Amino acid sequence: MAITLKDKMKGLSTGRRKKIEARAAHLIAEEMTLQELRRARKITQVRMAKELGISQNGVSRIEKRSDLLLSTLRKTIQAMGGSLSLVAQFPDQKPVVLTGIAVDDQPDPPKGGRHAHA
């Protein structure tokens, strides 16, 4: 008969078991979906909807999407009380924090098609 994880954990000391559980929680916290992050922050979809000015159903749709605009992701994270940083990582250099992407205070594009007249 195979040994289960529960069996293995029962055989460990309380201190060792707590260390393993803490490390597991830390690793799980490093990678979450938007829904898991919202729940971990104890925020309801209704509260998020009010913050974002959309319906609760809209929050649900955002949480289920796998491809979001950066501006939508930034607003969602800000509604949870956080901020979004984008980091580019390369094998031959230190990580680079990207700036100026999906910033809300960018000027509106000129109106009137491709050629704006003075």
Protein backbone atom coordinates (compact mmCIF):
# COMPACT_ATOMS: atom_id res chain seq x y z
CA MET A 1 0.00 0.00 0.00
CA ALA A 2 1.28 3.47 -0.90
CA ILE A 3 2.12 6.05 1.75
CA THR A 4 0.00 9.19 1.43
CA LEU A 5 1.09 12.75 2.10
CA LYS A 6 -1.16 12.78 5.18
CA ASP A 7 0.59 9.67 6.51
CA LYS A 8 4.01 11.21 5.88
CA MET A 9 3.01 14.50 7.57
CA LYS A 10 1.65 12.63 10.61
CA GLY A 11 5.06 11.03 11.07
CA LEU A 12 6.82 14.39 11.39
CA SER A 13 7.32 16.44 14.53
CA THR A 14 4.92 19.32 15.13
CA GLY A 15 7.69 21.86 14.52
CA ARG A 16 8.72 20.30 11.23
CA ARG A 17 5.10 20.00 10.10
CA LYS A 18 4.49 23.71 10.86
CA LYS A 19 7.61 24.70 8.89
CA ILE A 20 6.45 22.67 5.90
CA GLU A 21 2.92 24.11 6.09
CA ALA A 22 4.27 27.68 6.33
CA ARG A 23 6.55 27.14 3.32
CA ALA A 24 3.68 25.63 1.34
CA ALA A 25 1.46 28.62 2.17
CA HIS A 26 4.26 30.97 1.09
CA LEU A 27 4.69 29.18 -2.23
CA ILE A 28 0.95 29.13 -2.86
CA ALA A 29 0.75 32.88 -2.10
CA GLU A 30 3.40 33.61 -4.74
CA GLU A 31 1.09 32.47 -7.52
CA MET A 32 -2.63 33.22 -7.49
CA THR A 33 -5.44 33.91 -9.90
CA LEU A 34 -7.19 37.27 -9.61
CA GLN A 35 -10.10 35.51 -7.91
CA GLU A 36 -7.80 33.84 -5.37
CA LEU A 37 -6.05 37.15 -4.73
CA ARG A 38 -9.36 38.95 -4.20
CA ARG A 39 -10.54 36.24 -1.80
CA ALA A 40 -7.21 36.26 0.09
CA ARG A 41 -7.67 40.02 0.56
CA LYS A 42 -11.20 39.30 1.86
CA ILE A 43 -12.86 41.48 -0.79
CA THR A 44 -16.21 40.54 -2.32
CA GLN A 45 -17.03 40.79 -6.01
CA VAL A 46 -19.73 43.31 -5.09
CA ARG A 47 -17.18 45.57 -3.38
CA MET A 48 -14.79 45.20 -6.33
CA ALA A 49 -17.62 46.09 -8.71
CA LYS A 50 -18.33 49.31 -6.78
CA GLU A 51 -14.62 50.24 -6.81
CA LEU A 52 -14.33 49.60 -10.54
CA GLY A 53 -17.70 51.12 -11.48
CA ILE A 54 -18.89 47.90 -13.14
CA SER A 55 -21.38 45.14 -12.34
CA GLN A 56 -20.62 42.13 -10.13
CA ASN A 57 -20.97 40.02 -13.28
CA GLY A 58 -18.26 42.19 -14.88
CA VAL A 59 -15.88 41.38 -12.02
CA SER A 60 -16.64 37.69 -12.49
CA ARG A 61 -15.84 37.95 -16.21
CA ILE A 62 -12.53 39.74 -15.50
CA GLU A 63 -11.53 37.02 -13.02
CA LYS A 64 -12.22 34.28 -15.57
CA ARG A 65 -10.28 35.85 -18.43
CA SER A 66 -6.81 34.61 -19.22
CA ASP A 67 -5.91 37.60 -21.41
CA LEU A 68 -6.49 41.09 -19.97
CA LEU A 69 -5.53 44.57 -21.04
CA LEU A 70 -2.80 45.87 -18.75
CA SER A 71 -4.98 48.87 -17.91
CA THR A 72 -7.78 46.53 -16.76
CA LEU A 73 -5.36 44.48 -14.68
CA ARG A 74 -3.85 47.65 -13.15
CA LYS A 75 -7.30 49.02 -12.22
CA THR A 76 -8.32 45.66 -10.74
CA ILE A 77 -5.19 45.46 -8.58
CA GLN A 78 -5.65 49.09 -7.50
CA ALA A 79 -9.26 48.34 -6.52
CA MET A 80 -7.84 45.71 -4.15
CA GLY A 81 -5.54 48.32 -2.62
CA GLY A 82 -2.38 47.28 -4.45
CA SER A 83 -0.24 48.46 -7.33
CA LEU A 84 0.91 46.62 -10.43
CA SER A 85 4.54 46.40 -11.50
CA LEU A 86 5.77 44.75 -14.67
CA VAL A 87 9.21 43.20 -14.63
CA ALA A 88 11.11 41.91 -17.65
CA GLN A 89 13.54 39.11 -16.81
CA PHE A 90 16.42 37.97 -18.99
CA PRO A 91 18.97 35.24 -18.31
CA ASP A 92 21.94 37.56 -18.90
CA GLN A 93 20.98 40.63 -16.85
CA LYS A 94 19.18 41.80 -13.73
CA PRO A 95 15.37 42.19 -13.88
CA VAL A 96 14.14 45.45 -15.42
CA VAL A 97 11.00 47.22 -14.12
CA LEU A 98 8.96 48.47 -17.09
CA THR A 99 7.41 51.91 -16.76
CA GLY A 100 4.93 53.95 -18.77
CA ILE A 101 2.82 50.96 -19.83
CA ALA A 102 -0.98 51.21 -19.42
CA VAL A 103 -0.67 54.44 -17.49
CA ASP A 104 -4.07 56.10 -17.03
CA ASP A 105 -2.80 59.70 -17.30
CA GLN A 106 -1.59 59.49 -20.90
CA PRO A 107 -2.98 62.26 -23.16
CA ASP A 108 -5.95 61.46 -25.37
CA PRO A 109 -5.08 60.88 -29.04
CA PRO A 110 -5.92 63.73 -31.45
CA LYS A 111 -9.46 63.69 -32.82
CA GLY A 112 -10.38 63.80 -36.47
CA GLY A 113 -8.74 60.73 -37.95
CA ARG A 114 -5.12 60.28 -38.99
CA HIS A 115 -4.40 63.93 -39.81
CA ALA A 116 -5.22 66.48 -37.14
CA HIS A 117 -5.47 70.04 -38.44
CA ALA A 118 -4.43 73.12 -36.50
